[in-house]
Amino acid sequence: MKLENMKPAVGSTTKKVRVGRGIGSGIGKTSGKGHKGQNARSGGGVRPGFEGGNIPLIRKIPIRGFNNKNFKKVYATINVGDLEAFEANSTIDMEVLYEQRFIGKRAPYGLKVLGDGELTKPLTVKASKFTATAKEKIEKVGGKIIEE
């Protein structure tokens, strides 16, 4: 038997440290917690980021930027290229797209059609907003745009 052939490899496994098992163990009596104080108590210690009563760093750093979450307008979006899946001369609105699983949910401000992709058949599209390229591509193939 050679040292390199031993399994598991030498030093790869260590025994769990058992604290509070007498002074002869090296970590008996206070179990490595020292004498008294906050960290020696049951349930003691401080939360992450606590700086001993000082103002924490995260509260010292100024707030930057602008957040418009209360007033932002959320639209369900779809690209012109995705409308290619529908039959020619069909009418497409948010309800049809929701039923066909093209959009995940009905957005409070309606539907916005974006201009990515190509369209080869005329369609009637009802939406709240259209990008300039989306309008151009729908009208180029003979389709109609209805803004709601």
C-alpha atoms as a PDB file:
ATOM      1  CA  MET A   1       0.000   0.000   0.000  1.00  0.00           C
ATOM      2  CA  LYS A   2       1.341   3.386  -1.057  1.00  0.00           C
ATOM      3  CA  LEU A   3       0.315   6.815   0.203  1.00  0.00           C
ATOM      4  CA  GLU A   4      -0.966   7.971  -3.215  1.00  0.00           C
ATOM      5  CA  ASN A   5      -3.143   4.853  -3.603  1.00  0.00           C
ATOM      6  CA  MET A   6      -5.081   5.359  -0.366  1.00  0.00           C
ATOM      7  CA  LYS A   7      -8.793   6.093  -0.734  1.00  0.00           C
ATOM      8  CA  PRO A   8     -10.205   8.570   0.023  1.00  0.00           C
ATOM      9  CA  ALA A   9      -7.157  10.742  -0.664  1.00  0.00           C
ATOM     10  CA  VAL A  10      -5.195  11.704   2.413  1.00  0.00           C
ATOM     11  CA  GLY A  11      -6.465  15.020   3.842  1.00  0.00           C
ATOM     12  CA  SER A  12      -9.600  15.148   1.686  1.00  0.00           C
ATOM     13  CA  THR A  13     -11.890  14.269   4.577  1.00  0.00           C
ATOM     14  CA  THR A  14     -11.785  15.925   7.987  1.00  0.00           C
ATOM     15  CA  LYS A  15     -13.815  15.134  11.067  1.00  0.00           C
ATOM     16  CA  LYS A  16     -16.548  17.516  12.150  1.00  0.00           C
ATOM     17  CA  VAL A  17     -15.423  19.803  14.984  1.00  0.00           C
ATOM     18  CA  ARG A  18     -17.353  19.035  18.203  1.00  0.00           C
ATOM     19  CA  VAL A  19     -17.407  22.149  20.343  1.00  0.00           C
ATOM     20  CA  GLY A  20     -18.165  22.346  24.062  1.00  0.00           C
ATOM     21  CA  ARG A  21     -16.798  18.902  24.960  1.00  0.00           C
ATOM     22  CA  GLY A  22     -14.411  19.828  27.778  1.00  0.00           C
ATOM     23  CA  ILE A  23     -11.232  21.874  28.111  1.00  0.00           C
ATOM     24  CA  GLY A  24      -9.056  19.074  26.778  1.00  0.00           C
ATOM     25  CA  SER A  25     -10.657  19.354  23.336  1.00  0.00           C
ATOM     26  CA  GLY A  26      -9.265  22.870  22.802  1.00  0.00           C
ATOM     27  CA  ILE A  27     -12.717  24.332  22.111  1.00  0.00           C
ATOM     28  CA  GLY A  28     -14.564  23.498  25.297  1.00  0.00           C
ATOM     29  CA  LYS A  29     -16.171  25.757  27.911  1.00  0.00           C
ATOM     30  CA  THR A  30     -17.071  28.844  25.818  1.00  0.00           C
ATOM     31  CA  SER A  31     -17.001  26.846  22.546  1.00  0.00           C
ATOM     32  CA  GLY A  32     -14.861  29.361  20.671  1.00  0.00           C
ATOM     33  CA  LYS A  33     -17.259  32.276  21.384  1.00  0.00           C
ATOM     34  CA  GLY A  34     -15.112  34.105  23.945  1.00  0.00           C
ATOM     35  CA  HIS A  35     -16.522  35.516  27.185  1.00  0.00           C
ATOM     36  CA  LYS A  36     -19.988  37.128  27.212  1.00  0.00           C
ATOM     37  CA  GLY A  37     -20.944  39.789  24.652  1.00  0.00           C
ATOM     38  CA  GLN A  38     -23.484  39.875  21.848  1.00  0.00           C
ATOM     39  CA  ASN A  39     -21.897  37.122  19.775  1.00  0.00           C
ATOM     40  CA  ALA A  40     -21.661  34.730  22.728  1.00  0.00           C
ATOM     41  CA  ARG A  41     -25.426  34.770  23.325  1.00  0.00           C
ATOM     42  CA  SER A  42     -28.034  32.442  21.934  1.00  0.00           C
ATOM     43  CA  GLY A  43     -29.467  34.094  18.827  1.00  0.00           C
ATOM     44  CA  GLY A  44     -26.840  36.824  19.127  1.00  0.00           C
ATOM     45  CA  GLY A  45     -24.929  38.536  16.359  1.00  0.00           C
ATOM     46  CA  VAL A  46     -25.751  41.311  13.932  1.00  0.00           C
ATOM     47  CA  ARG A  47     -27.429  41.419  10.528  1.00  0.00           C
ATOM     48  CA  PRO A  48     -25.365  41.673   7.321  1.00  0.00           C
ATOM     49  CA  GLY A  49     -24.287  45.272   6.670  1.00  0.00           C
ATOM     50  CA  PHE A  50     -24.498  46.303  10.347  1.00  0.00           C
ATOM     51  CA  GLU A  51     -21.639  48.642  11.234  1.00  0.00           C
ATOM     52  CA  GLY A  52     -21.846  48.821  15.013  1.00  0.00           C
ATOM     53  CA  GLY A  53     -24.395  51.622  15.134  1.00  0.00           C
ATOM     54  CA  ASN A  54     -22.696  53.779  12.484  1.00  0.00           C
ATOM     55  CA  ILE A  55     -24.753  54.855   9.491  1.00  0.00           C
ATOM     56  CA  PRO A  56     -24.347  51.902   7.093  1.00  0.00           C
ATOM     57  CA  LEU A  57     -22.520  52.535   3.824  1.00  0.00           C
ATOM     58  CA  ILE A  58     -25.633  51.763   1.768  1.00  0.00           C
ATOM     59  CA  ARG A  59     -27.452  54.658   3.474  1.00  0.00           C
ATOM     60  CA  LYS A  60     -24.548  57.077   2.941  1.00  0.00           C
ATOM     61  CA  ILE A  61     -24.426  56.595  -0.836  1.00  0.00           C
ATOM     62  CA  PRO A  62     -26.712  59.052  -2.697  1.00  0.00           C
ATOM     63  CA  ILE A  63     -29.668  57.742  -4.684  1.00  0.00           C
ATOM     64  CA  ARG A  64     -28.989  58.198  -8.397  1.00  0.00           C
ATOM     65  CA  GLY A  65     -31.250  58.268 -11.417  1.00  0.00           C
ATOM     66  CA  PHE A  66     -34.996  58.436 -11.874  1.00  0.00           C
ATOM     67  CA  ASN A  67     -37.595  55.698 -11.487  1.00  0.00           C
ATOM     68  CA  ASN A  68     -40.937  56.256 -13.183  1.00  0.00           C
ATOM     69  CA  LYS A  69     -42.564  53.003 -12.012  1.00  0.00           C
ATOM     70  CA  ASN A  70     -45.766  54.670 -10.765  1.00  0.00           C
ATOM     71  CA  PHE A  71     -46.582  56.367 -14.054  1.00  0.00           C
ATOM     72  CA  LYS A  72     -44.961  54.252 -16.764  1.00  0.00           C
ATOM     73  CA  LYS A  73     -47.170  52.996 -19.574  1.00  0.00           C
ATOM     74  CA  VAL A  74     -46.961  49.243 -20.141  1.00  0.00           C
ATOM     75  CA  TYR A  75     -47.835  47.914 -23.593  1.00  0.00           C
ATOM     76  CA  ALA A  76     -48.048  44.362 -24.887  1.00  0.00           C
ATOM     77  CA  THR A  77     -45.634  44.265 -27.847  1.00  0.00           C
ATOM     78  CA  ILE A  78     -45.472  42.222 -31.018  1.00  0.00           C
ATOM     79  CA  ASN A  79     -43.254  42.421 -34.090  1.00  0.00           C
ATOM     80  CA  VAL A  80     -44.515  42.693 -37.671  1.00  0.00           C
ATOM     81  CA  GLY A  81     -42.677  39.466 -38.490  1.00  0.00           C
ATOM     82  CA  ASP A  82     -44.819  37.547 -35.963  1.00  0.00           C
ATOM     83  CA  LEU A  83     -48.010  38.634 -37.782  1.00  0.00           C
ATOM     84  CA  GLU A  84     -46.902  36.535 -40.782  1.00  0.00           C
ATOM     85  CA  ALA A  85     -48.435  33.486 -39.021  1.00  0.00           C
ATOM     86  CA  PHE A  86     -51.984  34.809 -39.638  1.00  0.00           C
ATOM     87  CA  GLU A  87     -54.018  34.286 -42.812  1.00  0.00           C
ATOM     88  CA  ALA A  88     -54.232  37.040 -45.433  1.00  0.00           C
ATOM     89  CA  ASN A  89     -56.943  39.708 -44.983  1.00  0.00           C
ATOM     90  CA  SER A  90     -57.617  38.706 -41.353  1.00  0.00           C
ATOM     91  CA  THR A  91     -58.216  41.235 -38.577  1.00  0.00           C
ATOM     92  CA  ILE A  92     -55.732  41.155 -35.722  1.00  0.00           C
ATOM     93  CA  ASP A  93     -56.202  42.787 -32.327  1.00  0.00           C
ATOM     94  CA  MET A  94     -55.004  42.182 -28.774  1.00  0.00           C
ATOM     95  CA  GLU A  95     -57.718  39.583 -28.008  1.00  0.00           C
ATOM     96  CA  VAL A  96     -56.795  37.462 -31.035  1.00  0.00           C
ATOM     97  CA  LEU A  97     -53.108  37.631 -30.176  1.00  0.00           C
ATOM     98  CA  TYR A  98     -53.833  36.653 -26.560  1.00  0.00           C
ATOM     99  CA  GLU A  99     -55.961  33.655 -27.592  1.00  0.00           C
ATOM    100  CA  GLN A 100     -53.259  32.491 -30.032  1.00  0.00           C
ATOM    101  CA  ARG A 101     -50.585  32.931 -27.286  1.00  0.00           C
ATOM    102  CA  PHE A 102     -48.583  35.566 -29.167  1.00  0.00           C
ATOM    103  CA  ILE A 103     -48.760  37.815 -26.113  1.00  0.00           C
ATOM    104  CA  GLY A 104     -48.683  36.623 -22.513  1.00  0.00           C
ATOM    105  CA  LYS A 105     -51.126  39.054 -20.925  1.00  0.00           C
ATOM    106  CA  ARG A 106     -53.398  41.927 -21.776  1.00  0.00           C
ATOM    107  CA  ALA A 107     -51.430  45.073 -20.935  1.00  0.00           C
ATOM    108  CA  PRO A 108     -53.272  48.035 -19.390  1.00  0.00           C
ATOM    109  CA  TYR A 109     -52.305  50.487 -22.162  1.00  0.00           C
ATOM    110  CA  GLY A 110     -53.008  48.130 -25.058  1.00  0.00           C
ATOM    111  CA  LEU A 111     -50.930  46.743 -27.895  1.00  0.00           C
ATOM    112  CA  LYS A 112     -47.867  48.206 -29.601  1.00  0.00           C
ATOM    113  CA  VAL A 113     -46.715  46.872 -32.972  1.00  0.00           C
ATOM    114  CA  LEU A 114     -42.962  46.999 -33.590  1.00  0.00           C
ATOM    115  CA  GLY A 115     -41.261  46.949 -36.984  1.00  0.00           C
ATOM    116  CA  ASP A 116     -38.917  43.948 -36.728  1.00  0.00           C
ATOM    117  CA  GLY A 117     -39.330  41.241 -39.397  1.00  0.00           C
ATOM    118  CA  GLU A 118     -41.013  41.095 -42.799  1.00  0.00           C
ATOM    119  CA  LEU A 119     -44.675  40.869 -43.825  1.00  0.00           C
ATOM    120  CA  THR A 120     -45.871  39.467 -47.171  1.00  0.00           C
ATOM    121  CA  LYS A 121     -49.683  39.442 -46.859  1.00  0.00           C
ATOM    122  CA  PRO A 122     -52.262  42.199 -46.290  1.00  0.00           C
ATOM    123  CA  LEU A 123     -53.677  42.310 -42.755  1.00  0.00           C
ATOM    124  CA  THR A 124     -55.918  44.631 -40.753  1.00  0.00           C
ATOM    125  CA  VAL A 125     -54.138  45.414 -37.489  1.00  0.00           C
ATOM    126  CA  LYS A 126     -55.849  47.116 -34.527  1.00  0.00           C
ATOM    127  CA  ALA A 127     -53.455  48.439 -31.897  1.00  0.00           C
ATOM    128  CA  SER A 128     -52.865  51.372 -29.565  1.00  0.00           C
ATOM    129  CA  LYS A 129     -49.500  52.292 -31.076  1.00  0.00           C
ATOM    130  CA  PHE A 130     -47.381  51.528 -34.125  1.00  0.00           C
ATOM    131  CA  THR A 131     -43.753  52.326 -34.800  1.00  0.00           C
ATOM    132  CA  ALA A 132     -43.026  54.169 -38.057  1.00  0.00           C
ATOM    133  CA  THR A 133     -41.382  51.106 -39.626  1.00  0.00           C
ATOM    134  CA  ALA A 134     -44.305  48.874 -38.603  1.00  0.00           C
ATOM    135  CA  LYS A 135     -46.786  51.242 -40.282  1.00  0.00           C
ATOM    136  CA  GLU A 136     -44.661  51.364 -43.397  1.00  0.00           C
ATOM    137  CA  LYS A 137     -44.338  47.559 -43.672  1.00  0.00           C
ATOM    138  CA  ILE A 138     -48.057  46.869 -43.094  1.00  0.00           C
ATOM    139  CA  GLU A 139     -49.212  49.501 -45.602  1.00  0.00           C
ATOM    140  CA  LYS A 140     -46.577  48.456 -48.187  1.00  0.00           C
ATOM    141  CA  VAL A 141     -48.210  45.000 -48.585  1.00  0.00           C
ATOM    142  CA  GLY A 142     -51.730  46.499 -48.759  1.00  0.00           C
ATOM    143  CA  GLY A 143     -52.718  46.097 -45.112  1.00  0.00           C
ATOM    144  CA  LYS A 144     -54.744  48.484 -42.951  1.00  0.00           C
ATOM    145  CA  ILE A 145     -53.863  50.161 -39.670  1.00  0.00           C
ATOM    146  CA  ILE A 146     -56.494  51.012 -37.072  1.00  0.00           C
ATOM    147  CA  GLU A 147     -55.249  52.989 -34.049  1.00  0.00           C
ATOM    148  CA  GLU A 148     -57.473  52.563 -31.008  1.00  0.00           C
END
